[in-house]
Amino acid sequence: MGAISMTVVRRRARLRRALLAIGLGLAALLVLSVFWLFLSRALAIAHLRAQLEQLEERREQLLAERAHLEELLRRKDDPAWIEYLARKELGLILPGEEKWIVVEEGR
């Protein structure tokens, strides 16, 4: 009977070691899972912050463009502005003025 009880003791010891190994494995898996979750969330937050920064830059550009367009809209009925655009964009001149076009010979 002594041999049988030693076998039982050994089996129980092996069982305890196996359960301990399984428990440690599960604990390690839990720690790794929490670490992975933290890392993935940190990367997602960093990505979202970069996107937010890009969107804020784009917003500033659009606000500047809007201010420029509003300024052009305010000027639309200003006779001096209309004359400026007619001269610059269309090349128009007032009656009695002469327009000179300088042509350089090919170099």
C-alpha atoms as a PDB file:
ATOM      1  CA  MET A   1       0.000   0.000   0.000  1.00  0.00           C
ATOM      2  CA  GLY A   2       2.954   2.299   0.495  1.00  0.00           C
ATOM      3  CA  ALA A   3       3.725   2.109  -3.230  1.00  0.00           C
ATOM      4  CA  ILE A   4       0.177   2.997  -4.114  1.00  0.00           C
ATOM      5  CA  SER A   5       0.085   6.023  -1.829  1.00  0.00           C
ATOM      6  CA  MET A   6       3.391   7.277  -3.328  1.00  0.00           C
ATOM      7  CA  THR A   7       1.865   6.963  -6.796  1.00  0.00           C
ATOM      8  CA  VAL A   8      -1.152   8.925  -5.641  1.00  0.00           C
ATOM      9  CA  VAL A   9       1.107  11.573  -4.094  1.00  0.00           C
ATOM     10  CA  ARG A  10       3.118  11.832  -7.311  1.00  0.00           C
ATOM     11  CA  ARG A  11      -0.033  12.084  -9.394  1.00  0.00           C
ATOM     12  CA  ARG A  12      -1.372  14.812  -7.138  1.00  0.00           C
ATOM     13  CA  ALA A  13       1.948  16.663  -7.330  1.00  0.00           C
ATOM     14  CA  ARG A  14       1.935  16.419 -11.120  1.00  0.00           C
ATOM     15  CA  LEU A  15      -1.670  17.567 -11.166  1.00  0.00           C
ATOM     16  CA  ARG A  16      -0.800  20.559  -8.954  1.00  0.00           C
ATOM     17  CA  ARG A  17       2.137  21.443 -11.212  1.00  0.00           C
ATOM     18  CA  ALA A  18      -0.059  21.117 -14.305  1.00  0.00           C
ATOM     19  CA  LEU A  19      -2.760  23.287 -12.754  1.00  0.00           C
ATOM     20  CA  LEU A  20      -0.145  25.818 -11.670  1.00  0.00           C
ATOM     21  CA  ALA A  21       1.289  25.890 -15.193  1.00  0.00           C
ATOM     22  CA  ILE A  22      -2.191  26.338 -16.669  1.00  0.00           C
ATOM     23  CA  GLY A  23      -2.959  29.103 -14.168  1.00  0.00           C
ATOM     24  CA  LEU A  24       0.306  30.882 -14.922  1.00  0.00           C
ATOM     25  CA  GLY A  25      -0.341  30.513 -18.641  1.00  0.00           C
ATOM     26  CA  LEU A  26      -3.812  31.982 -18.266  1.00  0.00           C
ATOM     27  CA  ALA A  27      -2.448  34.844 -16.148  1.00  0.00           C
ATOM     28  CA  ALA A  28       0.236  35.547 -18.760  1.00  0.00           C
ATOM     29  CA  LEU A  29      -2.405  35.436 -21.474  1.00  0.00           C
ATOM     30  CA  LEU A  30      -4.546  37.880 -19.510  1.00  0.00           C
ATOM     31  CA  VAL A  31      -1.593  40.259 -19.011  1.00  0.00           C
ATOM     32  CA  LEU A  32      -0.700  40.075 -22.704  1.00  0.00           C
ATOM     33  CA  SER A  33      -4.327  40.673 -23.673  1.00  0.00           C
ATOM     34  CA  VAL A  34      -4.539  43.761 -21.476  1.00  0.00           C
ATOM     35  CA  PHE A  35      -1.210  45.013 -22.850  1.00  0.00           C
ATOM     36  CA  TRP A  36      -2.388  44.435 -26.441  1.00  0.00           C
ATOM     37  CA  LEU A  37      -5.671  46.204 -25.736  1.00  0.00           C
ATOM     38  CA  PHE A  38      -3.820  49.174 -24.220  1.00  0.00           C
ATOM     39  CA  LEU A  39      -1.349  49.319 -27.115  1.00  0.00           C
ATOM     40  CA  SER A  40      -4.038  49.109 -29.796  1.00  0.00           C
ATOM     41  CA  ARG A  41      -6.079  51.851 -28.097  1.00  0.00           C
ATOM     42  CA  ALA A  42      -3.003  54.053 -27.739  1.00  0.00           C
ATOM     43  CA  LEU A  43      -2.237  53.641 -31.447  1.00  0.00           C
ATOM     44  CA  ALA A  44      -5.848  54.399 -32.360  1.00  0.00           C
ATOM     45  CA  ILE A  45      -5.784  57.548 -30.223  1.00  0.00           C
ATOM     46  CA  ALA A  46      -2.521  58.683 -31.841  1.00  0.00           C
ATOM     47  CA  HIS A  47      -4.040  58.111 -35.291  1.00  0.00           C
ATOM     48  CA  LEU A  48      -7.166  60.064 -34.372  1.00  0.00           C
ATOM     49  CA  ARG A  49      -5.086  62.941 -32.995  1.00  0.00           C
ATOM     50  CA  ALA A  50      -3.140  63.120 -36.269  1.00  0.00           C
ATOM     51  CA  GLN A  51      -6.411  63.170 -38.201  1.00  0.00           C
ATOM     52  CA  LEU A  52      -7.755  65.897 -35.915  1.00  0.00           C
ATOM     53  CA  GLU A  53      -4.656  68.000 -36.534  1.00  0.00           C
ATOM     54  CA  GLN A  54      -5.060  67.593 -40.310  1.00  0.00           C
ATOM     55  CA  LEU A  55      -8.730  68.533 -40.093  1.00  0.00           C
ATOM     56  CA  GLU A  56      -7.934  71.610 -38.017  1.00  0.00           C
ATOM     57  CA  GLU A  57      -5.348  72.712 -40.597  1.00  0.00           C
ATOM     58  CA  ARG A  58      -7.875  72.177 -43.391  1.00  0.00           C
ATOM     59  CA  ARG A  59     -10.464  74.157 -41.401  1.00  0.00           C
ATOM     60  CA  GLU A  60      -8.047  77.075 -41.089  1.00  0.00           C
ATOM     61  CA  GLN A  61      -7.388  76.970 -44.836  1.00  0.00           C
ATOM     62  CA  LEU A  62     -11.104  76.960 -45.589  1.00  0.00           C
ATOM     63  CA  LEU A  63     -11.739  79.840 -43.188  1.00  0.00           C
ATOM     64  CA  ALA A  64      -9.011  81.883 -44.887  1.00  0.00           C
ATOM     65  CA  GLU A  65     -10.478  81.073 -48.300  1.00  0.00           C
ATOM     66  CA  ARG A  66     -13.933  82.031 -47.070  1.00  0.00           C
ATOM     67  CA  ALA A  67     -12.654  85.384 -45.779  1.00  0.00           C
ATOM     68  CA  HIS A  68     -10.997  86.037 -49.150  1.00  0.00           C
ATOM     69  CA  LEU A  69     -14.190  85.187 -51.039  1.00  0.00           C
ATOM     70  CA  GLU A  70     -16.269  87.371 -48.715  1.00  0.00           C
ATOM     71  CA  GLU A  71     -13.860  90.250 -49.408  1.00  0.00           C
ATOM     72  CA  LEU A  72     -14.253  89.717 -53.154  1.00  0.00           C
ATOM     73  CA  LEU A  73     -18.018  89.658 -52.727  1.00  0.00           C
ATOM     74  CA  ARG A  74     -17.932  92.957 -50.821  1.00  0.00           C
ATOM     75  CA  ARG A  75     -15.923  94.523 -53.647  1.00  0.00           C
ATOM     76  CA  LYS A  76     -18.192  93.355 -56.471  1.00  0.00           C
ATOM     77  CA  ASP A  77     -20.018  96.681 -56.775  1.00  0.00           C
ATOM     78  CA  ASP A  78     -16.990  98.937 -56.188  1.00  0.00           C
ATOM     79  CA  PRO A  79     -16.292 100.878 -59.447  1.00  0.00           C
ATOM     80  CA  ALA A  80     -12.554 101.063 -58.718  1.00  0.00           C
ATOM     81  CA  TRP A  81     -12.399  97.281 -58.248  1.00  0.00           C
ATOM     82  CA  ILE A  82     -14.371  96.678 -61.434  1.00  0.00           C
ATOM     83  CA  GLU A  83     -11.999  98.962 -63.361  1.00  0.00           C
ATOM     84  CA  TYR A  84      -8.983  97.189 -61.864  1.00  0.00           C
ATOM     85  CA  LEU A  85     -10.321  93.784 -62.920  1.00  0.00           C
ATOM     86  CA  ALA A  86     -11.248  95.026 -66.398  1.00  0.00           C
ATOM     87  CA  ARG A  87      -7.748  96.346 -66.934  1.00  0.00           C
ATOM     88  CA  LYS A  88      -5.885  93.417 -65.350  1.00  0.00           C
ATOM     89  CA  GLU A  89      -7.973  90.418 -66.386  1.00  0.00           C
ATOM     90  CA  LEU A  90      -9.482  91.586 -69.678  1.00  0.00           C
ATOM     91  CA  GLY A  91      -6.812  94.026 -70.832  1.00  0.00           C
ATOM     92  CA  LEU A  92      -9.368  96.798 -71.384  1.00  0.00           C
ATOM     93  CA  ILE A  93      -8.443 100.481 -71.633  1.00  0.00           C
ATOM     94  CA  LEU A  94     -10.367 103.726 -71.277  1.00  0.00           C
ATOM     95  CA  PRO A  95     -11.277 105.714 -74.393  1.00  0.00           C
ATOM     96  CA  GLY A  96      -8.366 107.895 -75.448  1.00  0.00           C
ATOM     97  CA  GLU A  97      -5.733 105.703 -73.779  1.00  0.00           C
ATOM     98  CA  GLU A  98      -3.150 103.815 -75.739  1.00  0.00           C
ATOM     99  CA  LYS A  99      -2.089 100.305 -74.929  1.00  0.00           C
ATOM    100  CA  TRP A 100       1.461  99.295 -75.541  1.00  0.00           C
ATOM    101  CA  ILE A 101       2.518  95.705 -75.876  1.00  0.00           C
ATOM    102  CA  VAL A 102       6.240  95.094 -75.688  1.00  0.00           C
ATOM    103  CA  VAL A 103       7.387  92.093 -77.648  1.00  0.00           C
ATOM    104  CA  GLU A 104      10.901  90.859 -77.109  1.00  0.00           C
ATOM    105  CA  GLU A 105      12.611  89.165 -79.966  1.00  0.00           C
ATOM    106  CA  GLY A 106      13.475  85.536 -79.404  1.00  0.00           C
ATOM    107  CA  ARG A 107      16.587  84.853 -77.432  1.00  0.00           C
END
